Every structure is written in structure tokens, then in C-alpha cells.
Protein backbone atom coordinates (compact mmCIF):
# COMPACT_ATOMS: atom_id res chain seq x y z
CA MET A 1 57.91 150.87 115.76
CA GLY A 2 58.65 153.10 112.42
CA LEU A 3 62.45 153.41 111.40
CA LYS A 4 64.04 155.58 113.71
CA VAL A 5 65.66 152.66 115.45
CA TYR A 6 67.10 151.17 112.10
CA ASN A 7 68.34 154.40 110.78
CA GLU A 8 69.98 155.22 114.46
CA LYS A 9 71.94 152.01 114.40
CA ARG A 10 73.35 152.50 111.04
CA ASN A 11 76.31 154.24 109.34
CA PHE A 12 74.74 154.33 105.84
CA ASN A 13 78.46 156.41 105.12
CA GLN A 14 80.18 152.36 105.52
CA THR A 15 77.58 150.10 104.98
CA PRO A 16 75.83 149.29 101.93
CA GLU A 17 72.52 148.51 103.50
CA PRO A 18 69.49 151.26 101.93
CA GLU A 19 69.09 153.88 104.17
CA GLY A 20 65.84 153.69 106.14
CA GLN A 21 62.49 155.50 104.75
CA GLU A 22 58.88 154.85 104.87
CA LYS A 23 57.22 153.82 101.96
CA ALA A 24 53.32 153.27 100.81
CA HIS A 25 52.88 149.95 98.95
CA SER A 26 50.50 148.96 95.89
CA GLY A 27 49.59 145.31 95.15
CA LYS A 28 50.22 142.02 96.64
CA LEU A 29 52.23 142.27 100.48
CA HIS A 30 55.49 141.10 99.94
CA PHE A 31 57.88 138.70 102.72
CA VAL A 32 61.69 138.01 102.55
CA VAL A 33 63.73 135.52 104.44
CA GLN A 34 67.42 136.47 104.63
CA ARG A 35 70.02 133.89 106.16
CA HIS A 36 72.50 136.60 108.09
CA LEU A 37 76.02 134.74 108.24
CA SER A 38 77.77 137.23 111.18
CA SER A 39 79.05 136.13 114.67
CA LYS A 40 76.25 133.46 114.73
CA LEU A 41 74.17 132.21 112.14
CA HIS A 42 70.50 133.23 112.04
CA TYR A 43 68.02 134.03 109.64
CA ASP A 44 65.94 137.13 109.20
CA PHE A 45 62.26 136.93 108.64
CA ARG A 46 60.43 139.83 107.48
CA LEU A 47 56.95 140.91 106.33
CA GLU A 48 55.70 143.76 104.44
CA MET A 49 53.45 145.78 106.80
CA ASP A 50 52.42 149.37 107.05
CA GLY A 51 55.17 150.54 105.05
CA VAL A 52 58.19 148.93 106.41
CA LEU A 53 59.21 145.21 107.07
CA LYS A 54 58.30 143.79 110.55
CA SER A 55 61.35 141.77 111.06
CA TRP A 56 62.11 138.66 113.45
CA ALA A 57 65.74 137.20 113.94
CA VAL A 58 64.85 133.22 113.82
CA PRO A 59 68.08 131.52 115.20
CA LYS A 60 67.37 128.18 113.62
CA GLY A 61 65.75 129.29 111.02
CA PRO A 62 62.18 128.86 109.63
CA SER A 63 60.74 125.17 108.98
CA LEU A 64 57.66 123.77 106.99
CA ASP A 65 57.77 120.96 109.88
CA PRO A 66 54.58 121.50 112.09
CA ALA A 67 56.63 119.93 114.42
CA ASP A 68 59.30 122.87 114.60
CA LYS A 69 58.17 126.00 116.78
CA ARG A 70 61.33 128.24 116.39
CA LEU A 71 62.10 130.96 118.72
CA ALA A 72 61.75 134.50 116.79
CA MET A 73 63.03 137.68 118.14
CA ARG A 74 60.96 140.49 117.14
CA VAL A 75 63.50 143.20 116.07
CA GLU A 76 63.56 146.99 114.49
CA ASP A 77 61.64 147.60 111.47
CA HIS A 78 63.33 147.49 108.38
CA PRO A 79 62.70 149.99 105.07
CA LEU A 80 61.02 147.87 102.38
CA ALA A 81 64.18 148.53 99.88
CA TYR A 82 66.09 146.01 102.70
CA ARG A 83 63.76 143.09 100.73
CA THR A 84 66.17 143.15 97.90
CA PHE A 85 69.48 143.45 99.97
CA ALA A 86 72.05 140.76 99.65
CA GLY A 87 75.68 141.63 100.30
CA ASP A 88 78.46 142.42 102.97
CA ILE A 89 77.92 144.26 106.21
CA PRO A 90 81.53 145.42 106.98
CA GLU A 91 83.21 144.83 109.93
CA GLY A 92 82.44 147.43 112.78
CA ASN A 93 79.12 147.98 111.60
CA TYR A 94 75.94 146.82 113.48
CA GLY A 95 74.66 143.10 111.74
CA ALA A 96 78.58 142.93 110.34
CA GLY A 97 78.27 139.71 108.42
CA HIS A 98 77.02 138.11 104.82
CA VAL A 99 73.44 138.52 104.19
CA ASP A 100 71.59 136.41 101.39
CA ILE A 101 67.94 135.86 100.10
CA TRP A 102 67.05 132.67 101.39
CA ASP A 103 63.47 132.94 100.07
CA GLU A 104 60.91 135.69 99.15
CA GLY A 105 57.61 135.82 97.69
CA THR A 106 54.06 137.38 98.37
CA TYR A 107 51.87 136.89 101.35
CA TYR A 108 48.15 137.70 102.76
CA ALA A 109 46.63 137.47 105.90
CA ALA A 110 45.01 133.98 106.70
CA GLY A 111 41.61 135.65 107.75
CA THR A 112 40.51 137.18 104.96
CA ASP A 113 41.12 137.36 101.13
CA ASN A 114 40.21 141.22 101.04
CA GLN A 115 43.69 142.48 100.54
CA GLU A 116 42.98 146.00 102.25
CA GLU A 117 41.19 144.42 104.81
CA GLY A 118 44.08 141.97 105.25
CA GLU A 119 46.86 144.33 106.24
CA ALA A 120 44.09 145.96 108.46
CA LEU A 121 43.92 142.29 110.21
CA LEU A 122 47.75 141.69 109.80
CA LEU A 123 48.18 145.07 111.96
CA GLN A 124 45.40 144.03 114.48
CA GLU A 125 46.88 140.66 115.04
CA LEU A 126 50.55 142.01 115.52
CA GLU A 127 49.48 144.04 117.96
CA GLU A 128 47.68 141.67 119.79
CA GLY A 129 50.65 139.11 119.02
CA HIS A 130 49.07 135.95 117.50
CA LEU A 131 49.66 136.75 113.64
CA LYS A 132 48.20 134.32 110.90
CA PHE A 133 48.93 134.60 107.25
CA VAL A 134 49.75 132.22 104.41
CA LEU A 135 53.10 132.67 102.29
CA GLU A 136 53.69 132.00 98.37
CA GLY A 137 57.31 131.54 98.43
CA ARG A 138 59.51 129.76 96.70
CA LYS A 139 60.62 127.63 99.55
CA LEU A 140 58.29 128.61 102.56
CA GLN A 141 54.56 127.95 101.65
CA GLY A 142 51.42 127.52 103.51
CA GLU A 143 50.02 128.75 106.35
CA PHE A 144 51.94 129.82 109.22
CA THR A 145 51.67 131.51 112.59
CA LEU A 146 53.91 134.25 114.82
CA ILE A 147 52.45 134.32 118.41
CA LYS A 148 54.35 136.38 121.22
CA MET A 149 55.32 134.62 124.25
CA LYS A 150 54.48 135.47 127.11
CA GLY A 151 56.40 135.79 130.71
CA ARG A 152 59.35 135.75 128.47
CA GLN A 153 62.32 138.33 127.48
CA ASP A 154 60.58 141.16 125.00
CA GLY A 155 60.66 140.76 121.83
CA ALA A 156 60.51 136.57 121.99
CA TRP A 157 57.89 134.78 119.37
CA LEU A 158 57.31 131.51 118.03
CA LEU A 159 57.14 131.28 114.57
CA PHE A 160 55.45 127.83 113.38
CA LYS A 161 53.90 125.96 110.18
CA LYS A 162 50.15 125.12 110.11
CA ILE A 163 49.74 121.43 109.31
CA ASP A 164 48.15 121.67 105.48
CA GLU A 165 49.54 120.48 102.48
CA ALA A 166 52.41 122.31 102.27
CA ALA A 167 54.05 120.85 105.48
CA VAL A 168 56.91 119.04 105.02
CA GLU A 169 58.14 116.61 108.09
CA GLY A 170 61.63 117.06 109.34
CA TYR A 171 62.67 120.42 107.55
CA ASN A 172 65.66 122.03 108.33
CA SER A 173 66.71 125.53 106.55
CA GLU A 174 70.00 124.39 106.02
CA ASP A 175 69.14 121.73 103.86
CA HIS A 176 67.68 124.10 101.21
CA LEU A 177 70.89 126.74 100.38
CA GLU A 178 71.02 126.69 96.66
CA GLY A 179 71.83 129.87 95.47
CA ILE A 180 73.45 130.71 98.44
CA THR A 181 77.12 132.10 98.93
CA LEU A 182 78.31 129.61 101.65
CA LEU A 183 81.16 131.54 103.73
CA ALA A 184 82.69 130.74 107.15
CA PRO A 185 81.17 132.20 109.98
CA THR A 186 82.46 135.93 110.70
CA LYS A 187 85.29 136.68 113.05
CA PRO A 188 87.19 139.69 114.19
CA ALA A 189 89.97 138.94 112.06
CA ASN A 190 88.60 138.34 108.68
CA LYS A 191 86.37 135.58 106.80
CA THR A 192 87.10 132.54 104.23
CA GLU A 193 85.25 132.48 101.11
CA ILE A 194 84.61 128.91 100.21
CA VAL A 195 82.70 128.82 97.19
CA GLY A 196 83.19 132.00 94.59
CA SER A 197 80.71 134.80 94.18
CA LYS A 198 77.03 134.35 92.77
CA ALA A 199 77.05 136.55 89.69
CA LYS A 200 74.49 134.90 87.51
CA SER A 201 74.44 133.62 83.97
CA ARG A 202 72.60 132.54 81.78
CA LYS A 203 74.96 131.43 78.61
CA PRO A 204 73.97 127.97 78.03
CA ALA A 205 76.47 125.53 79.56
CA GLY A 206 78.66 123.56 76.57
CA LYS A 207 77.07 119.77 76.14
CA SER A 208 80.28 117.74 76.90
CA GLN A 209 80.21 114.13 77.20
CA PRO A 210 81.24 112.96 80.51
CA SER A 211 82.57 109.92 80.96
CA ALA A 212 82.00 107.42 83.64
CA GLY A 213 83.32 108.31 87.16
CA ALA A 214 83.43 112.12 85.92
CA ALA A 215 84.63 113.41 89.13
CA GLU A 216 88.18 114.57 88.89
CA MET A 217 89.65 114.62 92.18
CA PRO A 218 89.19 112.87 95.59
CA HIS A 219 86.87 114.48 98.01
CA LYS A 220 87.97 117.78 99.72
CA MET A 221 86.68 118.90 103.13
CA SER A 222 85.87 122.68 103.32
CA SER A 223 86.39 124.43 106.23
CA ASP A 224 82.92 123.33 107.35
CA THR A 225 83.20 119.67 108.29
CA ASN A 226 79.61 119.00 106.64
CA LYS A 227 80.37 119.97 103.41
CA THR A 228 82.67 118.85 100.20
CA GLU A 229 84.11 119.93 97.47
CA ARG A 230 84.45 117.70 94.28
CA LYS A 231 85.58 118.78 91.17
CA ILE A 232 83.80 117.36 88.12
CA GLU A 233 84.67 118.02 84.50
CA GLY A 234 86.44 121.25 85.85
CA GLN A 235 83.92 122.63 87.73
CA VAL A 236 84.14 123.12 91.95
CA VAL A 237 80.51 121.70 92.60
CA LEU A 238 80.12 122.16 96.65
CA LEU A 239 78.18 119.06 98.48
CA SER A 240 77.36 118.60 101.94
CA SER A 241 75.96 115.76 104.30
CA LEU A 242 77.25 112.73 102.31
CA ASP A 243 77.03 110.37 105.18
CA LYS A 244 72.91 110.96 105.38
CA PHE A 245 71.12 108.13 104.86
CA TYR A 246 68.73 108.63 102.37
CA TRP A 247 67.59 104.76 102.60
CA PRO A 248 68.39 103.58 106.09
CA ASP A 249 67.30 100.11 105.80
CA GLU A 250 69.68 99.36 102.96
CA GLY A 251 72.23 101.75 104.00
CA ILE A 252 72.68 103.96 101.31
CA THR A 253 73.99 107.61 101.99
CA LYS A 254 73.54 110.24 99.72
CA GLY A 255 76.99 110.17 98.52
CA ASP A 256 76.57 106.63 97.50
CA LEU A 257 73.64 108.25 95.37
CA ILE A 258 75.75 110.85 94.00
CA ASP A 259 78.51 108.21 93.21
CA TYR A 260 76.11 106.00 91.19
CA TYR A 261 74.85 109.13 89.09
CA GLN A 262 78.30 110.19 88.54
CA SER A 263 79.36 106.57 87.41
CA ILE A 264 76.86 106.29 84.71
CA ALA A 265 76.78 110.04 83.87
CA ASP A 266 77.94 109.48 79.79
CA VAL A 267 74.99 106.98 79.59
CA LEU A 268 72.63 109.20 81.68
CA MET A 269 73.23 112.63 80.45
CA PRO A 270 71.89 112.60 76.68
CA TYR A 271 68.32 112.20 78.36
CA LEU A 272 69.04 115.20 80.51
CA GLN A 273 70.56 117.38 78.22
CA ASP A 274 68.95 120.82 76.99
CA ARG A 275 65.98 119.53 78.84
CA PRO A 276 64.26 121.68 81.60
CA GLN A 277 63.81 119.86 84.77
CA SER A 278 61.28 119.48 87.29
CA LEU A 279 63.26 118.52 90.78
CA PHE A 280 61.41 116.03 92.56
CA ARG A 281 63.74 116.74 95.85
CA PHE A 282 64.31 114.68 99.17
CA PRO A 283 66.46 116.30 101.24
CA ASN A 284 66.01 114.23 104.50
CA GLY A 285 66.10 110.79 102.57
CA ILE A 286 62.96 108.37 101.60
CA THR A 287 61.56 108.26 104.77
CA LYS A 288 60.81 111.76 104.92
CA PRO A 289 58.05 113.44 102.55
CA GLY A 290 59.64 115.04 99.62
CA PHE A 291 58.47 117.97 97.43
CA ILE A 292 58.50 119.17 93.68
CA GLN A 293 60.33 122.20 93.00
CA LYS A 294 60.23 123.79 89.49
CA ASP A 295 60.96 127.44 90.05
CA VAL A 296 64.81 127.68 90.75
CA PRO A 297 65.94 131.57 90.46
CA HIS A 298 68.80 131.19 92.34
CA THR A 299 71.71 128.98 91.31
CA PRO A 300 75.64 129.15 90.65
CA GLU A 301 76.72 130.83 88.06
CA TRP A 302 77.57 127.68 86.05
CA VAL A 303 73.88 126.20 86.49
CA ARG A 304 72.09 126.96 83.01
CA THR A 305 68.42 127.72 83.78
CA ILE A 306 65.83 128.83 80.85
CA LYS A 307 62.71 131.14 82.19
CA LEU A 308 59.42 129.62 80.75
CA LYS A 309 55.58 130.43 81.71
CA ALA A 310 53.90 127.71 83.47
CA GLU A 311 50.70 126.08 81.23
CA SER A 312 49.03 125.84 84.25
CA THR A 313 49.19 129.18 85.76
CA GLY A 314 51.01 131.58 82.80
CA VAL A 315 53.46 132.35 85.53
CA GLU A 316 56.99 132.54 84.49
CA VAL A 317 59.03 129.84 85.98
CA GLU A 318 62.85 129.64 86.12
CA TYR A 319 63.58 125.62 85.12
CA LEU A 320 67.17 124.03 85.73
CA VAL A 321 68.54 122.77 82.75
CA CYS A 322 70.90 119.84 83.27
CA ASP A 323 73.80 120.08 80.58
CA ASN A 324 76.72 118.36 82.49
CA ALA A 325 77.79 116.32 85.19
CA ALA A 326 78.35 118.87 87.52
CA THR A 327 75.07 120.35 87.41
CA LEU A 328 73.80 116.56 87.74
CA ALA A 329 75.92 116.24 91.16
CA TYR A 330 74.51 119.82 92.06
CA MET A 331 70.86 118.65 91.31
CA ASN A 332 71.65 115.07 93.72
CA ASN A 333 72.91 117.61 96.49
CA LEU A 334 69.35 119.70 96.95
CA GLY A 335 68.11 115.96 96.89
CA CYS A 336 66.57 115.15 93.95
CA ILE A 337 66.71 111.21 93.96
CA GLN A 338 64.49 110.97 90.58
CA LEU A 339 65.02 113.00 87.97
CA ASN A 340 62.16 114.36 85.42
CA PRO A 341 63.35 115.72 82.54
CA TRP A 342 60.77 117.08 79.81
CA ASN A 343 59.82 115.08 77.03
CA SER A 344 60.99 118.10 74.81
CA ARG A 345 64.30 120.06 74.57
CA THR A 346 64.43 123.94 74.63
CA ALA A 347 65.74 124.30 70.87
CA SER A 348 62.26 122.59 70.04
CA LEU A 349 60.18 123.18 73.26
CA GLU A 350 57.07 122.25 71.22
CA LYS A 351 57.78 119.03 69.86
CA PRO A 352 58.55 116.18 71.98
CA ASP A 353 61.33 113.58 71.13
CA TYR A 354 58.97 110.89 72.19
CA LEU A 355 56.02 109.79 73.07
CA VAL A 356 55.08 107.70 76.44
CA ILE A 357 52.74 105.38 77.45
CA ASP A 358 52.75 104.91 81.17
CA LEU A 359 51.42 101.63 82.62
CA ASP A 360 50.16 102.37 85.93
CA PRO A 361 48.63 99.37 87.97
CA GLY A 362 46.09 99.32 90.39
CA GLN A 363 46.06 96.35 92.58
CA ASN A 364 47.89 94.29 89.79
CA THR A 365 50.49 91.70 89.84
CA TYR A 366 53.97 92.89 87.37
CA ASP A 367 53.04 89.65 85.15
CA GLU A 368 50.05 91.36 84.50
CA VAL A 369 51.57 94.66 83.65
CA VAL A 370 53.98 92.50 81.85
CA GLU A 371 51.03 91.55 79.92
CA VAL A 372 49.64 94.84 78.94
CA ALA A 373 53.33 95.50 77.80
CA LEU A 374 53.24 92.97 75.27
CA VAL A 375 50.19 93.92 73.90
CA THR A 376 50.96 97.47 73.34
CA LYS A 377 54.34 96.31 71.48
CA GLU A 378 52.24 94.33 69.30
CA ILE A 379 49.87 97.28 68.41
CA LEU A 380 52.85 99.54 68.15
CA ASP A 381 54.47 96.68 65.61
CA LYS A 382 51.20 96.82 63.64
CA ALA A 383 51.48 100.33 63.48
CA GLY A 384 55.33 100.16 61.98
CA ALA A 385 56.65 102.01 65.35
CA ARG A 386 59.63 100.85 67.00
CA ALA A 387 58.91 100.73 71.04
CA PHE A 388 61.09 100.48 73.75
CA ALA A 389 60.14 99.62 77.45
CA LYS A 390 61.62 100.50 80.78
CA THR A 391 60.40 99.34 84.17
CA SER A 392 59.11 102.48 86.36
CA GLY A 393 61.16 101.84 89.19
CA ALA A 394 58.01 101.31 91.30
CA THR A 395 55.14 99.40 90.04
CA GLY A 396 54.86 100.02 86.45
CA MET A 397 56.13 100.36 83.21
CA HIS A 398 57.25 102.89 80.31
CA ILE A 399 56.59 102.63 76.59
CA PHE A 400 58.49 104.71 74.40
CA VAL A 401 58.51 105.63 71.10
CA PRO A 402 60.74 107.94 69.24
CA LEU A 403 59.67 111.27 67.90
CA GLY A 404 62.29 112.69 66.60
CA ALA A 405 60.82 116.43 67.38
CA LEU A 406 58.83 116.36 64.24
CA TYR A 407 55.21 116.35 65.70
CA GLY A 408 53.66 118.51 68.07
CA PHE A 409 52.26 117.34 71.39
CA ASP A 410 49.21 117.15 70.31
CA GLN A 411 49.63 114.99 67.48
CA ALA A 412 52.13 112.66 69.98
CA ARG A 413 49.26 112.39 72.38
CA GLN A 414 46.43 111.27 69.50
CA PHE A 415 48.58 108.97 68.41
CA ALA A 416 49.33 107.26 72.20
CA HIS A 417 45.04 107.37 73.08
CA VAL A 418 44.68 105.38 69.96
CA VAL A 419 47.52 102.86 70.52
CA ALA A 420 45.45 102.66 74.19
CA GLN A 421 42.66 102.28 72.85
CA GLU A 422 43.73 99.47 70.92
CA VAL A 423 44.85 97.90 73.53
CA HIS A 424 42.00 98.27 75.91
CA LYS A 425 39.96 96.54 73.41
CA LYS A 426 42.44 93.58 73.28
CA LEU A 427 42.40 93.47 77.07
CA PRO A 428 39.35 95.11 78.20
CA LYS A 429 39.09 92.70 81.41
CA LEU A 430 42.86 94.32 82.52
CA THR A 431 43.15 97.45 81.04
CA SER A 432 41.40 100.95 82.09
CA LEU A 433 41.30 104.36 79.99
CA GLU A 434 39.55 106.12 83.50
CA ARG A 435 42.21 108.33 85.10
CA SER A 436 40.67 107.97 88.60
CA PRO A 437 42.12 105.41 91.05
CA LYS A 438 38.89 104.62 92.07
CA GLU A 439 37.27 103.48 88.97
CA ARG A 440 40.40 101.03 88.21
CA ARG A 441 41.70 99.26 91.45
CA ASP A 442 42.32 95.87 89.77
CA LYS A 443 43.08 97.13 86.00
CA VAL A 444 46.65 98.78 84.82
CA TYR A 445 45.86 102.26 83.68
CA LEU A 446 46.64 103.01 80.08
CA ASP A 447 48.18 106.95 80.43
CA PHE A 448 48.44 108.48 77.56
CA LEU A 449 48.14 111.56 78.94
CA GLN A 450 51.84 112.22 79.82
CA ASN A 451 52.14 113.85 76.26
CA SER A 452 51.94 117.46 77.17
CA ILE A 453 54.42 120.01 76.96
CA GLY A 454 55.71 120.55 80.97
CA GLN A 455 54.50 116.70 81.15
CA THR A 456 57.64 114.90 83.21
CA ILE A 457 58.35 111.52 83.86
CA ALA A 458 61.31 109.88 85.76
CA SER A 459 64.05 109.54 83.43
CA ALA A 460 65.88 106.56 82.08
CA TYR A 461 68.29 105.12 84.90
CA THR A 462 67.07 107.69 87.25
CA VAL A 463 66.76 106.04 90.83
CA ARG A 464 63.35 106.23 92.40
CA PRO A 465 62.81 107.27 96.06
CA MET A 466 61.85 103.81 96.94
CA PRO A 467 62.58 100.75 99.44
CA GLY A 468 65.41 99.40 97.48
CA ALA A 469 66.87 102.29 95.48
CA THR A 470 65.08 100.63 92.47
CA VAL A 471 66.21 101.94 89.29
CA SER A 472 63.90 103.08 86.37
CA THR A 473 65.85 100.59 83.86
CA PRO A 474 65.51 100.04 80.12
CA LEU A 475 64.80 96.85 78.68
CA VAL A 476 65.34 94.39 76.04
CA TRP A 477 61.84 92.84 74.88
CA GLU A 478 63.10 89.41 75.64
CA GLU A 479 63.16 90.66 78.91
CA VAL A 480 59.35 91.50 79.10
CA LYS A 481 58.34 88.54 80.06
CA PRO A 482 56.67 86.52 83.12
CA GLY A 483 58.77 86.48 86.22
CA LEU A 484 60.16 90.10 85.52
CA SER A 485 60.60 92.71 88.76
CA PRO A 486 61.17 95.87 88.64
CA SER A 487 62.88 95.16 92.32
CA ASP A 488 65.97 93.32 90.39
CA PHE A 489 67.38 96.56 88.88
CA THR A 490 68.93 98.86 91.92
CA ILE A 491 71.58 101.44 92.14
CA LYS A 492 73.85 98.67 93.20
CA ASN A 493 73.62 96.34 90.02
CA ILE A 494 73.01 98.98 87.50
CA PRO A 495 76.78 100.26 86.67
CA ALA A 496 77.59 96.69 86.07
CA ARG A 497 74.41 96.01 83.54
CA LEU A 498 75.45 98.83 81.14
CA ARG A 499 78.91 97.90 81.30
CA GLN A 500 77.54 94.45 80.42
CA ILE A 501 74.89 95.17 77.42
CA GLY A 502 75.18 99.16 77.10
CA ASP A 503 72.18 101.41 76.86
CA VAL A 504 69.54 99.48 75.16
CA PHE A 505 67.18 102.58 75.18
CA HIS A 506 69.66 105.03 72.92
CA GLY A 507 67.26 104.45 70.07
CA VAL A 508 64.35 106.59 71.88
CA LEU A 509 66.80 109.72 70.90
CA GLY A 510 67.16 108.60 67.41
CA LYS A 511 65.30 109.13 63.95
CA GLY A 512 61.47 109.60 64.58
CA VAL A 513 58.42 107.06 63.29
CA ASP A 514 56.46 108.32 60.92
CA LEU A 515 53.07 109.06 62.96
CA VAL A 516 51.18 109.68 59.78
CA GLN A 517 51.85 106.45 58.63
CA CYS A 518 51.59 104.23 61.57
CA LEU A 519 48.24 105.95 62.42
CA LYS A 520 47.10 104.54 58.39
CA ASN A 521 48.36 101.38 59.50
CA LEU A 522 45.93 101.05 62.34
CA GLN A 523 42.94 102.25 60.69
């Protein structure tokens, strides 16, 4: 198609869009999805191919749900420079409105691993009207198909997801607007900005201690009736779909989740501050599949992030850091029901503040989990290590030992392993050190491997995406006895529990134990 049509439609003295020039590419092929808010909202889906961006307008946005067959209208080719374009196209120009980069990444042909053969195959499939490709984006992952519709209007295609491990049921692109400047639709007159510009700042946010009920003003509805502004510690946070049921059977909404976290923010924040977060997102509630997101390069300017190399891949990842109650609400608005902070802080990434032994049951009763927890405490008492317990919020229990960022992860894991071995010696028929669930169906797995950099476990006081809206709840050891049930602790009663007994877990962040002496005590 070339760039002639693209250039003819634009006056480059008036629009900030890049002028069309075909360029040969090198390396991996790239794709971009731009959210285009003009007179009508749509998404522009663009694939690098043959020196240009082959482009489709997708009215409802791309979806990770294989059941969604999205109409995609083929439009003129765009220059490769358009891949990084975001901004405002002035009134009176073609495509006038606001453009944001919704997703971007690399892609390749589904039919071959060879890069040169892959582009040739893609061009052939484009000509034949049946493209198959694999996306490696921040949001869009896995295999997709673009197929040209026959007997319909010229340029009509369908874009849909293949069933694979990246598929997500009930996916809606409008539920994934992190990093997007939200504006009112363009009208012939002027447009109304709801939230300010996206200038990026990476300065650490101040570590203020929020008080319970950190929201400072009532909900304020924006011009979009599905969105609400809330001022939290002086920061305006845009929230959406607060009446969406996250736990339909219990009648608990997204707004209820946000209110819960804000009501306990003063207690919760010390367990989150200065720690990279792995986002465990359920934007459609617990009845729909969730997904894990670590890389969050597009966030509001007031949200702190940190770039770190992933241990497993060596690829640089931009992690979110939750330093305040406003960021906590932002995370919840993304669908983060469960909070998963690192065991270490950015100030000492190689040295965890605590070690964890995760008691992960197979087909066991909770009384059996309790039995294992008490023996674990017995071993830790012998070692001279102060231990703290909390329900996992699911079926297990987490045992923490404070380290005070005095030791590396290898030392923490070594000690946890020794403790696990001692517990297993005392309870060989009830516990297992085997990682594979098939090898421990009726045993409690003593998981000491959580003690590695970048590993995360559900935070204290975090809600779990489980029936009943259970909460991972710190316990006093007197509560760890037969009859204990994780279902006793939910989003509905934890605030009252905290008012009654306070935070019984705070010692986890206190003075660390002497690991060297603890190991000697167990010899």
C-alpha cells in the first residue's frame, strides 16, 4: 500500500504526526496498539512489515478472550516512526483527537522461528487475507489471527485471540488503561481533560504514614459516569467501575475492595513501602481468570517505579513500588485484589527483611496445617528465632522470621531449609520437601524456596481472590490451635479485628535474629 495515502491525508505543518518515510528495519518486528479518542473511541492496531506499519482500526479494542471476534478495518499504512507517536491531533486535521500508546512490543510469524522467513510469510499471509502471529507485548501476549472477511465492506477483517496460556476470559481493553490520559470524546468545540498529563517522574514518593480511611473527600464523579475521582493524601486518584462485583456471590464490589484497603492503610503500608510489587490482577473479579503483571512502564507521574533486571530472563523490568495509600488505590483500581510485595526493599534489594516458610497443604485438613505450624514454631524456638504466623488466606499458613536486612537470600534460604528438614524429621508422614504436588498429595509441603530475590508471597492483610473474600491474617500463637479456619478472616471483619487487637505482625519488620547463632543452636 505504501505511504502515499498517509501523506496525502495529512498537513504536516498542522499535525505533530511524523511525516511518512519508508525505512528498512533491523532486528525483531514491532507492533503497537494506540488508543485513539476522536469523535468515537477506537484502537489502532499496527504491525511492522515491509518498512511500514500495516494498520487496522479496531472499534472495540483488541481482546485476550478467544471468544471475542473483533472487527478490524484496514486503513492506510503508517510510517515506522508512528510507533512512538502519542499526543493530540488538532481539530480540523484528519483523525483529530487524542492518541495514547496502549500497548507495544515485538511480534513474529506463528509459522516459523526464522526472522527473515517470518516477514516473508507474514507478507504472503497478508496478501492471502489470513495472518497468524505471536505478540510479545506488555498487555497482549500469545498467538492472534487477522482474517479478511469475505462478502463484507472493503477492508473489513476480524482480529481474535488463539486459545493458549495467555488467553483471558472476559477481557476488556478499557479495563486496562494504566498509563492512559483519560479525556472526554472530541467534540466540534473543545475537549474536557479529566486527568492531567503523563509527564513521567521517577523520584521516590514520600513515605507518609496514612491513617485509616485515608480518602480525604467524598467520591466525585467525572464526566464519564463510570469513573470517579477520589482525593487520597492530597493526590487525586481516578477510579472506575466501583460497582462491578468482584465477589458476585458475596455481593462485594470493586469499590468495597478499595474501601477495605483504605480503611487499614495505616497498618498495611509498612509491609508495602519501598518494595517492588508483582501485580496479581483480576479486573473482572474472582470468577474470571486473573494474570500477573510485573512490567508497568506507563503509570501516572505520581506513582513510583523502579527498573530492575528480572532474575529469570535478565530483561529489564519496570516494577511498581507502593509507597502510599494513593498508589495502593491505583493498584486496586487495576484489579489488584491480592498484594505481592518483594521480601526486600529497594534500599537493600539483596538482603530480605524476613524469611518465609510456606506451609502448603495437599489434601490435608487445616488442623493438620496447624499441627505442622506448631512443630515449626517449636523448631524455631529451639533455634532462638522469633516466629510470626499468618493464614495464607487460602488453605495454608505462612511462618515468618525477622532478619532486619542483615543477611543475603542464600543465607535466609539455607536456614529455612534446615528448619524445614527438622520439621520433616518430626513429622515424616505429614510433611514433604517434594516440590511436585503429585509427590505430596496428602502431605503439607514445607516450601523454603520462597526466599529468593524477586520471589513474592501474599502480604499480611491482603485479600485473596477466593470465595468469601478471605484475608491473609496475622495471628497470635494462642490462636494457632485445632479448629482454626482461614475462612474466619475476611474483608468484612479484619478492620474491626485490627481495632480490637492491633497489628500483631509488626515485629516481622523489627530487629533481625542472629542466623549464625540460630544455626548453631540447631546443630
